[in-house]
Amino acid sequence: MSGADNVVWLGTPPFHQAARTALADTQLRANLRRATGTIRDKRLAVAAELEDWEELRETAAAVKRHTLRHLDHHLLRLEKSVTAAGGVVHWAADAAEANRIVTSLVQASAGSDTEQPEVVKVKSMATQEIGLNEALAEAGIRAYETDLAELIVQLGRDRPSHILVPAIHRNRSEIREIFRREMGEWGRPAPEGLSDDPRDLAEAARLHLREKFLRAKVAVSGANFAAADTGTVVVVESEGNGRMCLTLPETLITVMGIEKVLPSFADLEVFLQLLPRSSTGERMNPYTSLWTGVTEGDGPRNFHLVLLDNGRTATLADDVGRQALACIRCSACLNVCPVYERTGGHAYGSVYPGPIGAVLTPQLVGIENAASLPFASTLCGACYDACPVKINIPEVLVHLRAEAVEAGRRSRRLPTTEALAMKAAGAVMSSPGRLAAAQKLAALGARLVARDGRIGALPGPFARWSESRDTPLPPRETFRAWWGRTRTPVNGDSPATAEGKGER
């Protein structure tokens, strides 16, 4: 299975088709509007408390730019530091290799006396990206998601729709029904008379997971950051499930994208201020876990760090697109995006939804495998304003749109209708005389199809443009015609003579 097969969900339609279906789901839109609005308001409030917020953003962006320019150096330093602290570092070129490494480590750690090996998992975008749960299931290993939102998605046989809140598309009544229906098949059944009160739902999840924490020999996590100079790995979370996974099992396996490395432990001072405020609107994360290799008598006895490429090196080669690798997975861009708020994450057909997914996914899997995603944006720039590491997402979107068009052109023998139209427009606009004639014809044609001063649905190749918008009727006289009729002649030329000179 390739990296593209995992990052992009197979069988999903292009964004514009999936978005049309999502827009028709009024419950989905209500859930998204409520959740993103709440997080957005909290983020604005806590960011405003820091007088040096913009300086922190500038510093974080500079650290990320430096790290990406010298990524090979910092990764080798990280490997050396982790190894010196008693950990083992593995390098995975793609999803298939990463899955093989993790599967073999779980099998070796579980032992032969276990009927069905089990692992507990900390929320991780990297393991979703490579399809780790599916790979473990194929090997006869059961993986339990322990993050509440990820648990909801897993029990509901669903897909995550948000980077930070994977079950954001579900309301609490839907979650209660999922728990009632599914928990019995995954171990402890849901309590009798379970309500949709958030406290009751959280308690049901605790009871469901507690015995799994206590008996699991292996845990799998992602990583928010890793310091190259000390080999320290960092996971931040809000529920305490991560702390349980990172301390109780005998073996800890961390799958980390290579872009998550930071040059030094001191850099965490900046990012641990930006991340919680940008993600959940909190001043600090409730649980921030840091570990360096293994420590006798404290935590796991074995630590394995899997450094995942899976398209990141190819992304690094793009001078414009590489800035997407600076992402710290805070989801601030999703919470301010008007497109995401109305369509949700599933419409993107990718593990990474929203604005950052629209620029990251096409680069990880190849633009030809996700050509519709760079167009899933209004280019309003709200994502750039919200990004704590100042990724210029609109700039990357425009860059990738050009690549998508070029990739489409190369894959076709005959030019598209759009390409022919643009070529014709270029020929018309290169000549003032042809442009004036085309304007007159367009104004006449518009009056023939207009109703009540507006142009509605149009036939043929114009249908897709007009199906969702009305166009104002053009004025009877164009600006060019008005200018030629009314302007004062220069050097004795008549308006008509001056117009003719423009033709040359």
Protein backbone atom coordinates (compact mmCIF):
# COMPACT_ATOMS: atom_id res chain seq x y z
CA MET A 1 0.00 0.00 0.00
CA SER A 2 1.47 3.36 -1.02
CA GLY A 3 1.63 6.57 0.95
CA ALA A 4 -1.00 8.07 -1.35
CA ASP A 5 -3.38 5.19 -0.60
CA ASN A 6 -3.27 6.09 3.09
CA VAL A 7 -3.14 9.89 3.08
CA VAL A 8 -5.99 10.14 0.55
CA TRP A 9 -9.06 8.02 1.23
CA LEU A 10 -9.62 5.70 -1.70
CA GLY A 11 -12.90 6.02 -3.55
CA THR A 12 -13.69 9.54 -2.35
CA PRO A 13 -14.94 12.00 -4.96
CA PRO A 14 -13.17 15.28 -5.80
CA PHE A 15 -13.70 18.08 -3.32
CA HIS A 16 -16.28 20.00 -5.33
CA GLN A 17 -18.51 16.92 -5.53
CA ALA A 18 -18.07 15.89 -1.89
CA ALA A 19 -18.68 19.48 -0.75
CA ARG A 20 -22.04 19.57 -2.51
CA THR A 21 -23.16 16.55 -0.47
CA ALA A 22 -21.84 18.03 2.78
CA LEU A 23 -23.59 21.34 2.18
CA ALA A 24 -26.92 19.53 2.08
CA ASP A 25 -26.39 18.12 5.60
CA THR A 26 -27.88 20.77 7.88
CA GLN A 27 -27.00 18.89 11.09
CA LEU A 28 -23.35 18.66 10.03
CA ARG A 29 -23.23 22.38 9.31
CA ALA A 30 -24.79 23.23 12.66
CA ASN A 31 -22.30 21.00 14.52
CA LEU A 32 -19.36 22.57 12.70
CA ARG A 33 -20.52 26.15 13.12
CA ARG A 34 -21.01 25.71 16.86
CA ALA A 35 -17.70 23.94 17.49
CA THR A 36 -15.41 26.03 15.28
CA GLY A 37 -16.98 29.26 16.50
CA THR A 38 -16.38 28.34 20.13
CA ILE A 39 -12.73 27.38 19.58
CA ARG A 40 -12.12 30.43 17.38
CA ASP A 41 -13.41 32.86 20.02
CA LYS A 42 -11.33 31.22 22.78
CA ARG A 43 -8.19 31.39 20.64
CA LEU A 44 -8.63 35.09 19.94
CA ALA A 45 -9.13 35.84 23.64
CA VAL A 46 -6.04 34.03 24.96
CA ALA A 47 -3.79 35.19 22.09
CA ALA A 48 -4.72 38.79 22.87
CA GLU A 49 -3.41 38.32 26.42
CA LEU A 50 0.19 38.13 25.19
CA GLU A 51 1.76 41.42 24.18
CA ASP A 52 4.48 39.56 22.28
CA TRP A 53 2.11 37.25 20.34
CA GLU A 54 3.31 38.47 16.95
CA GLU A 55 6.94 38.23 18.05
CA LEU A 56 6.34 34.63 19.10
CA ARG A 57 4.86 33.88 15.68
CA GLU A 58 7.84 35.47 13.92
CA THR A 59 10.27 33.51 16.09
CA ALA A 60 8.47 30.21 15.48
CA ALA A 61 8.42 30.84 11.73
CA ALA A 62 12.15 31.62 11.76
CA VAL A 63 12.96 28.45 13.73
CA LYS A 64 10.94 26.34 11.30
CA ARG A 65 12.57 27.93 8.24
CA HIS A 66 16.02 27.29 9.68
CA THR A 67 15.16 23.71 10.61
CA LEU A 68 13.81 22.85 7.17
CA ARG A 69 16.91 24.30 5.50
CA HIS A 70 19.13 22.07 7.64
CA LEU A 71 16.75 19.15 8.22
CA ASP A 72 19.29 16.42 7.49
CA HIS A 73 21.71 17.81 10.07
CA HIS A 74 19.10 18.07 12.83
CA LEU A 75 17.68 14.59 12.14
CA LEU A 76 21.12 13.02 12.48
CA ARG A 77 21.64 14.90 15.74
CA LEU A 78 18.27 13.64 16.96
CA GLU A 79 19.16 10.03 16.10
CA LYS A 80 22.44 10.32 17.97
CA SER A 81 20.78 11.87 21.05
CA VAL A 82 17.95 9.32 21.21
CA THR A 83 20.37 6.43 20.81
CA ALA A 84 22.65 7.79 23.53
CA ALA A 85 19.63 7.96 25.88
CA GLY A 86 18.80 4.27 25.35
CA GLY A 87 16.24 4.55 22.57
CA VAL A 88 16.27 2.95 19.13
CA VAL A 89 15.72 4.99 15.96
CA HIS A 90 14.18 3.56 12.80
CA TRP A 91 13.93 5.31 9.41
CA ALA A 92 10.84 4.76 7.26
CA ALA A 93 10.80 5.99 3.67
CA ASP A 94 7.07 5.48 3.21
CA ALA A 95 3.89 4.23 4.86
CA ALA A 96 4.48 0.59 4.00
CA GLU A 97 7.92 0.56 5.60
CA ALA A 98 6.68 2.37 8.71
CA ASN A 99 3.83 -0.12 9.13
CA ARG A 100 6.21 -3.06 8.76
CA ILE A 101 8.53 -1.62 11.42
CA VAL A 102 5.75 -0.95 13.93
CA THR A 103 4.03 -4.29 13.32
CA SER A 104 7.25 -6.26 13.84
CA LEU A 105 8.04 -4.31 17.02
CA VAL A 106 4.56 -4.98 18.44
CA GLN A 107 4.77 -8.68 17.63
CA ALA A 108 8.21 -8.96 19.24
CA SER A 109 7.11 -7.07 22.36
CA ALA A 110 3.80 -8.88 22.85
CA GLY A 111 5.40 -12.33 23.12
CA SER A 112 4.15 -15.69 21.86
CA ASP A 113 1.83 -16.35 24.80
CA THR A 114 -0.60 -13.59 23.82
CA GLU A 115 -3.71 -14.76 21.92
CA GLN A 116 -4.27 -11.41 20.22
CA PRO A 117 -1.65 -8.71 20.73
CA GLU A 118 -3.03 -5.32 21.75
CA VAL A 119 -1.72 -1.79 21.68
CA VAL A 120 -3.05 1.43 23.17
CA LYS A 121 -2.64 4.52 21.04
CA VAL A 122 -2.17 8.20 21.69
CA LYS A 123 -3.85 10.46 19.13
CA SER A 124 -1.52 10.71 16.16
CA MET A 125 -1.95 12.22 12.69
CA ALA A 126 1.17 10.40 11.50
CA THR A 127 -0.29 6.95 12.28
CA GLN A 128 -3.54 7.94 10.56
CA GLU A 129 -1.52 9.09 7.58
CA ILE A 130 0.13 5.69 7.15
CA GLY A 131 -3.02 3.67 7.93
CA LEU A 132 -1.37 2.00 10.93
CA ASN A 133 -4.57 0.71 12.55
CA GLU A 134 -5.53 -1.12 9.37
CA ALA A 135 -2.03 -2.55 8.99
CA LEU A 136 -2.05 -3.79 12.60
CA ALA A 137 -5.49 -5.36 12.13
CA GLU A 138 -4.23 -7.25 9.06
CA ALA A 139 -1.45 -8.65 11.27
CA GLY A 140 -3.95 -9.75 13.94
CA ILE A 141 -3.16 -6.90 16.34
CA ARG A 142 -5.95 -4.89 17.94
CA ALA A 143 -5.29 -1.16 18.38
CA TYR A 144 -7.33 0.87 20.87
CA GLU A 145 -7.62 4.62 20.37
CA THR A 146 -7.57 6.29 23.78
CA ASP A 147 -8.22 9.93 22.87
CA LEU A 148 -11.93 10.55 23.45
CA ALA A 149 -12.61 11.97 19.99
CA GLU A 150 -10.53 9.28 18.27
CA LEU A 151 -12.38 6.64 20.33
CA ILE A 152 -15.70 8.03 19.07
CA VAL A 153 -14.45 7.83 15.49
CA GLN A 154 -13.12 4.29 15.97
CA LEU A 155 -16.25 2.95 17.67
CA GLY A 156 -18.43 4.64 15.05
CA ARG A 157 -16.39 3.07 12.21
CA ASP A 158 -16.02 6.62 11.00
CA ARG A 159 -13.25 8.84 9.70
CA PRO A 160 -11.79 11.85 11.51
CA SER A 161 -12.89 15.23 10.16
CA HIS A 162 -10.68 17.64 12.11
CA ILE A 163 -6.99 17.68 13.04
CA LEU A 164 -7.57 18.49 16.70
CA VAL A 165 -11.17 17.35 17.27
CA PRO A 166 -11.61 14.30 15.02
CA ALA A 167 -15.29 13.85 15.96
CA ILE A 168 -16.23 17.52 15.54
CA HIS A 169 -18.94 16.50 13.08
CA ARG A 170 -20.78 14.56 15.82
CA ASN A 171 -23.00 16.06 18.51
CA ARG A 172 -23.33 14.51 21.95
CA SER A 173 -26.60 12.71 21.18
CA GLU A 174 -24.93 10.96 18.27
CA ILE A 175 -21.96 10.08 20.49
CA ARG A 176 -24.26 8.55 23.12
CA GLU A 177 -25.84 6.31 20.48
CA ILE A 178 -22.42 5.21 19.23
CA PHE A 179 -21.33 4.30 22.77
CA ARG A 180 -24.55 2.40 23.47
CA ARG A 181 -24.29 0.45 20.23
CA GLU A 182 -20.56 -0.28 19.97
CA MET A 183 -18.87 -0.44 23.34
CA GLY A 184 -20.01 -3.98 24.05
CA GLU A 185 -18.24 -5.25 20.93
CA TRP A 186 -15.00 -3.58 22.04
CA GLY A 187 -14.95 -4.84 25.61
CA ARG A 188 -16.87 -3.22 28.45
CA PRO A 189 -20.45 -2.26 27.43
CA ALA A 190 -21.81 1.24 27.87
CA PRO A 191 -23.47 1.91 31.24
CA GLU A 192 -27.22 1.38 31.47
CA GLY A 193 -29.20 4.56 30.98
CA LEU A 194 -26.24 6.46 29.51
CA SER A 195 -27.21 10.10 28.96
CA ASP A 196 -25.74 12.61 26.54
CA ASP A 197 -24.29 14.72 29.34
CA PRO A 198 -20.58 15.30 28.56
CA ARG A 199 -19.56 14.11 32.04
CA ASP A 200 -21.45 10.83 31.62
CA LEU A 201 -19.95 10.26 28.17
CA ALA A 202 -16.44 10.94 29.47
CA GLU A 203 -16.96 8.56 32.39
CA ALA A 204 -18.18 5.83 30.03
CA ALA A 205 -15.01 6.27 27.99
CA ARG A 206 -12.84 6.07 31.13
CA LEU A 207 -14.45 2.82 32.25
CA HIS A 208 -14.12 1.43 28.74
CA LEU A 209 -10.40 2.23 28.51
CA ARG A 210 -9.13 1.72 32.05
CA GLU A 211 -8.49 -2.03 31.85
CA LYS A 212 -6.85 -1.59 28.44
CA PHE A 213 -4.36 0.88 29.88
CA LEU A 214 -3.50 -1.55 32.67
CA ARG A 215 -2.97 -4.67 30.57
CA ALA A 216 -1.38 -3.30 27.38
CA LYS A 217 2.29 -4.11 26.95
CA VAL A 218 2.80 -1.78 23.97
CA ALA A 219 1.76 1.80 23.28
CA VAL A 220 1.99 3.73 20.02
CA SER A 221 2.17 7.50 19.92
CA GLY A 222 2.87 10.35 17.61
CA ALA A 223 4.97 13.36 18.57
CA ASN A 224 4.35 17.08 18.60
CA PHE A 225 8.04 17.95 18.79
CA ALA A 226 11.45 16.37 19.30
CA ALA A 227 14.57 18.27 20.40
CA ALA A 228 17.64 17.30 18.41
CA ASP A 229 20.18 18.33 21.02
CA THR A 230 18.76 16.24 23.88
CA GLY A 231 16.70 13.57 22.11
CA THR A 232 13.62 14.64 24.09
CA VAL A 233 10.25 13.82 22.52
CA VAL A 234 7.11 15.81 23.40
CA VAL A 235 3.42 14.95 23.35
CA VAL A 236 0.79 17.48 24.41
CA GLU A 237 -2.82 16.50 25.14
CA SER A 238 -5.83 17.48 27.20
CA GLU A 239 -7.29 14.31 28.71
CA GLY A 240 -4.52 12.37 30.44
CA ASN A 241 -4.93 9.34 28.18
CA GLY A 242 -1.60 10.16 26.59
CA ARG A 243 0.15 10.20 29.95
CA MET A 244 -1.27 6.72 30.67
CA CYS A 245 0.00 5.39 27.33
CA LEU A 246 3.39 7.00 27.65
CA THR A 247 4.16 5.68 31.13
CA LEU A 248 2.41 2.33 31.80
CA PRO A 249 3.32 -0.05 28.91
CA GLU A 250 6.64 -1.83 28.75
CA THR A 251 7.33 -0.68 25.17
CA LEU A 252 6.64 2.71 23.61
CA ILE A 253 6.75 3.18 19.84
CA THR A 254 6.59 6.74 18.53
CA VAL A 255 5.91 7.46 14.87
CA MET A 256 7.05 10.98 13.99
CA GLY A 257 7.14 12.93 10.74
CA ILE A 258 10.68 14.09 10.09
CA GLU A 259 9.55 17.73 10.02
CA LYS A 260 8.65 17.68 13.73
CA VAL A 261 12.27 17.96 14.87
CA LEU A 262 13.46 21.19 16.52
CA PRO A 263 17.12 22.17 16.84
CA SER A 264 17.14 22.56 20.61
CA PHE A 265 15.19 21.93 23.80
CA ALA A 266 15.10 25.71 24.37
CA ASP A 267 12.94 26.12 21.24
CA LEU A 268 10.07 24.47 23.10
CA GLU A 269 9.61 27.69 25.08
CA VAL A 270 8.18 29.35 21.96
CA PHE A 271 6.09 26.49 20.61
CA LEU A 272 4.55 25.48 23.93
CA GLN A 273 3.13 28.99 24.21
CA LEU A 274 1.79 29.07 20.65
CA LEU A 275 0.35 25.57 20.32
CA PRO A 276 -2.23 25.44 23.15
CA ARG A 277 -3.50 28.95 22.48
CA SER A 278 -3.84 28.27 18.76
CA SER A 279 -5.40 24.84 19.09
CA THR A 280 -7.79 24.72 22.05
CA GLY A 281 -7.73 28.33 23.22
CA GLU A 282 -5.93 27.35 26.44
CA ARG A 283 -2.98 29.11 28.05
CA MET A 284 -1.16 25.80 28.49
CA ASN A 285 -1.82 22.17 27.76
CA PRO A 286 -3.30 20.20 30.67
CA TYR A 287 -0.80 17.40 29.98
CA THR A 288 2.62 17.98 28.45
CA SER A 289 4.69 14.78 28.46
CA LEU A 290 8.42 14.86 27.75
CA TRP A 291 10.74 11.84 27.75
CA THR A 292 14.32 11.24 26.74
CA GLY A 293 15.10 7.65 25.82
CA VAL A 294 14.51 5.22 28.69
CA THR A 295 15.04 5.60 32.43
CA GLU A 296 15.53 2.66 34.77
CA GLY A 297 12.48 2.15 36.98
CA ASP A 298 10.47 4.97 35.37
CA GLY A 299 8.21 4.54 32.35
CA PRO A 300 8.65 2.13 29.44
CA ARG A 301 11.68 -0.16 29.39
CA ASN A 302 11.95 0.06 25.59
CA PHE A 303 11.58 3.14 23.38
CA HIS A 304 11.51 3.11 19.57
CA LEU A 305 11.35 6.26 17.45
CA VAL A 306 10.20 5.77 13.84
CA LEU A 307 11.14 8.74 11.67
CA LEU A 308 8.67 8.97 8.80
CA ASP A 309 9.36 10.53 5.39
CA ASN A 310 6.36 9.49 3.24
CA GLY A 311 6.63 12.34 0.75
CA ARG A 312 8.19 14.95 3.01
CA THR A 313 11.57 14.99 1.28
CA ALA A 314 9.85 15.59 -2.06
CA THR A 315 7.85 18.43 -0.48
CA LEU A 316 11.06 19.91 0.89
CA ALA A 317 12.38 20.28 -2.67
CA ASP A 318 9.62 22.79 -3.54
CA ASP A 319 10.78 26.29 -2.60
CA VAL A 320 7.20 27.57 -2.22
CA GLY A 321 5.39 24.44 -1.03
CA ARG A 322 7.92 23.40 1.62
CA GLN A 323 6.53 25.93 4.12
CA ALA A 324 3.60 23.55 4.67
CA LEU A 325 6.06 21.32 6.56
CA ALA A 326 6.27 23.99 9.27
CA CYS A 327 2.75 23.05 10.40
CA ILE A 328 2.45 22.21 14.12
CA ARG A 329 -1.04 20.63 13.69
CA CYS A 330 -2.85 23.22 15.80
CA SER A 331 -5.91 23.36 13.48
CA ALA A 332 -6.26 27.15 13.82
CA CYS A 333 -6.60 27.40 10.04
CA LEU A 334 -9.56 24.99 10.04
CA ASN A 335 -11.40 26.92 12.72
CA VAL A 336 -11.30 30.19 10.77
CA CYS A 337 -11.87 28.77 7.27
CA PRO A 338 -15.32 29.59 5.79
CA VAL A 339 -15.05 26.62 3.43
CA TYR A 340 -14.25 24.09 6.16
CA GLU A 341 -17.01 25.46 8.40
CA ARG A 342 -19.59 24.67 5.73
CA THR A 343 -18.29 21.39 4.34
CA GLY A 344 -16.43 19.68 7.21
CA GLY A 345 -13.35 17.53 6.95
CA HIS A 346 -14.71 14.49 5.12
CA ALA A 347 -15.23 16.50 1.93
CA TYR A 348 -11.45 16.83 1.58
CA GLY A 349 -11.09 13.05 1.22
CA SER A 350 -7.83 13.16 3.14
CA VAL A 351 -6.38 12.52 6.58
CA TYR A 352 -5.41 16.21 6.61
CA PRO A 353 -8.50 18.38 6.08
CA GLY A 354 -9.00 22.12 5.87
CA PRO A 355 -6.58 24.73 4.51
CA ILE A 356 -3.43 22.95 5.68
CA GLY A 357 -4.67 19.70 4.14
CA ALA A 358 -5.33 21.51 0.87
CA VAL A 359 -1.63 22.40 0.63
CA LEU A 360 0.00 19.47 2.45
CA THR A 361 -1.85 16.47 1.01
CA PRO A 362 -1.21 17.24 -2.70
CA GLN A 363 2.49 17.52 -1.96
CA LEU A 364 2.72 14.32 0.07
CA VAL A 365 0.84 12.20 -2.47
CA GLY A 366 1.52 14.08 -5.71
CA ILE A 367 -0.68 16.79 -7.21
CA GLU A 368 -2.19 14.34 -9.71
CA ASN A 369 -3.68 12.33 -6.81
CA ALA A 370 -5.32 15.31 -5.08
CA ALA A 371 -5.76 17.88 -7.84
CA SER A 372 -9.04 19.27 -6.51
CA LEU A 373 -7.77 20.20 -3.03
CA PRO A 374 -5.85 23.41 -3.88
CA PHE A 375 -9.12 24.77 -5.24
CA ALA A 376 -10.98 24.14 -1.95
CA SER A 377 -10.47 27.73 -0.81
CA THR A 378 -11.74 31.26 -1.31
CA LEU A 379 -8.19 32.62 -0.82
CA CYS A 380 -9.58 34.95 1.85
CA GLY A 381 -6.33 34.73 3.84
CA ALA A 382 -7.92 34.03 7.24
CA CYS A 383 -5.77 30.90 7.57
CA TYR A 384 -2.56 32.90 7.11
CA ASP A 385 -3.62 35.40 9.76
CA ALA A 386 -4.41 32.60 12.24
CA CYS A 387 -1.39 30.35 11.62
CA PRO A 388 0.98 30.49 14.63
CA VAL A 389 4.01 29.72 12.43
CA LYS A 390 2.93 32.08 9.63
CA ILE A 391 2.53 29.56 6.81
CA ASN A 392 1.37 31.58 3.80
CA ILE A 393 -1.31 29.08 2.82
CA PRO A 394 -2.91 31.28 0.12
CA GLU A 395 0.47 31.61 -1.60
CA VAL A 396 0.95 27.83 -1.59
CA LEU A 397 -2.62 27.27 -2.80
CA VAL A 398 -2.08 29.48 -5.84
CA HIS A 399 1.25 27.77 -6.51
CA LEU A 400 -0.34 24.31 -6.35
CA ARG A 401 -3.28 25.38 -8.52
CA ALA A 402 -0.81 26.21 -11.27
CA GLU A 403 0.80 22.80 -10.81
CA ALA A 404 -2.60 21.08 -10.95
CA VAL A 405 -3.47 22.82 -14.20
CA GLU A 406 -0.11 21.92 -15.71
CA ALA A 407 -0.43 18.30 -14.56
CA GLY A 408 -3.87 18.12 -16.12
CA ARG A 409 -2.57 19.60 -19.37
CA ARG A 410 0.19 17.00 -19.57
CA SER A 411 -2.24 14.14 -19.00
CA ARG A 412 -4.56 15.12 -21.87
CA ARG A 413 -3.93 14.84 -25.60
CA LEU A 414 -6.54 17.45 -26.51
CA PRO A 415 -6.90 20.86 -24.84
CA THR A 416 -9.83 21.41 -22.51
CA THR A 417 -12.69 23.78 -23.18
CA GLU A 418 -11.24 26.07 -20.54
CA ALA A 419 -7.83 26.10 -22.23
CA LEU A 420 -9.39 26.92 -25.58
CA ALA A 421 -11.43 29.69 -23.99
CA MET A 422 -8.35 31.19 -22.36
CA LYS A 423 -6.46 31.06 -25.65
CA ALA A 424 -9.32 32.80 -27.42
CA ALA A 425 -9.51 35.40 -24.64
CA GLY A 426 -5.80 36.06 -25.01
CA ALA A 427 -6.19 36.62 -28.73
CA VAL A 428 -9.10 39.03 -28.19
CA MET A 429 -7.47 40.99 -25.39
CA SER A 430 -4.20 41.43 -27.28
CA SER A 431 -6.00 43.72 -29.75
CA PRO A 432 -7.99 46.82 -28.66
CA GLY A 433 -10.10 46.57 -31.79
CA ARG A 434 -11.01 42.91 -31.24
CA LEU A 435 -11.70 43.60 -27.57
CA ALA A 436 -14.09 46.44 -28.42
CA ALA A 437 -15.94 44.27 -30.91
CA ALA A 438 -16.17 41.39 -28.41
CA GLN A 439 -17.56 43.73 -25.75
CA LYS A 440 -20.29 44.93 -28.08
CA LEU A 441 -21.23 41.37 -29.01
CA ALA A 442 -21.22 40.27 -25.36
CA ALA A 443 -23.44 43.17 -24.32
CA LEU A 444 -25.90 42.36 -27.11
CA GLY A 445 -25.92 38.63 -26.27
CA ALA A 446 -26.37 39.33 -22.58
CA ARG A 447 -29.49 41.36 -23.24
CA LEU A 448 -30.99 38.48 -25.14
CA VAL A 449 -30.68 36.05 -22.19
CA ALA A 450 -31.15 38.47 -19.28
CA ARG A 451 -34.24 38.51 -17.08
CA ASP A 452 -35.05 41.43 -14.78
CA GLY A 453 -31.64 42.95 -15.31
CA ARG A 454 -29.68 39.82 -14.39
CA ILE A 455 -28.23 36.86 -16.25
CA GLY A 456 -29.25 33.55 -14.68
CA ALA A 457 -28.61 29.98 -15.84
CA LEU A 458 -26.63 29.71 -19.07
CA PRO A 459 -26.38 26.78 -21.47
CA GLY A 460 -23.43 24.62 -22.49
CA PRO A 461 -19.95 25.31 -21.10
CA PHE A 462 -21.22 28.33 -19.13
CA ALA A 463 -23.61 26.23 -17.04
CA ARG A 464 -21.12 25.44 -14.27
CA TRP A 465 -20.37 29.13 -13.80
CA SER A 466 -24.00 30.21 -13.71
CA GLU A 467 -25.52 27.34 -11.72
CA SER A 468 -24.62 28.95 -8.39
CA ARG A 469 -24.56 32.68 -9.20
CA ASP A 470 -26.35 35.42 -11.12
CA THR A 471 -24.37 37.87 -13.24
CA PRO A 472 -25.28 41.57 -13.48
CA LEU A 473 -26.28 42.78 -16.93
CA PRO A 474 -23.39 44.64 -18.63
CA PRO A 475 -23.90 48.39 -19.21
CA ARG A 476 -25.09 49.50 -22.63
CA GLU A 477 -21.88 51.43 -23.18
CA THR A 478 -18.45 50.07 -22.23
CA PHE A 479 -15.86 52.19 -20.48
CA ARG A 480 -13.70 52.06 -23.64
CA ALA A 481 -16.55 53.41 -25.75
CA TRP A 482 -17.35 56.12 -23.20
CA TRP A 483 -13.71 57.16 -23.00
CA GLY A 484 -13.36 57.37 -26.77
CA ARG A 485 -16.56 59.42 -27.05
CA THR A 486 -15.97 61.92 -24.26
CA ARG A 487 -12.26 62.44 -23.67
CA THR A 488 -10.52 65.62 -24.86
CA PRO A 489 -8.44 65.06 -28.04
CA VAL A 490 -4.65 65.26 -27.60
CA ASN A 491 -2.40 67.13 -30.09
CA GLY A 492 -5.29 67.79 -32.39
CA ASP A 493 -6.26 64.12 -32.75
CA SER A 494 -9.93 63.29 -32.77
CA PRO A 495 -11.10 60.56 -30.41
CA ALA A 496 -11.43 58.20 -33.36
CA THR A 497 -7.86 58.92 -34.50
CA ALA A 498 -6.48 58.39 -31.00
CA GLU A 499 -8.41 55.11 -30.78
CA GLY A 500 -6.83 53.97 -34.01
CA LYS A 501 -3.32 54.72 -32.72
CA GLY A 502 -3.97 52.40 -29.84
CA GLU A 503 -4.36 49.56 -32.31
CA ARG A 504 -0.68 49.68 -33.15
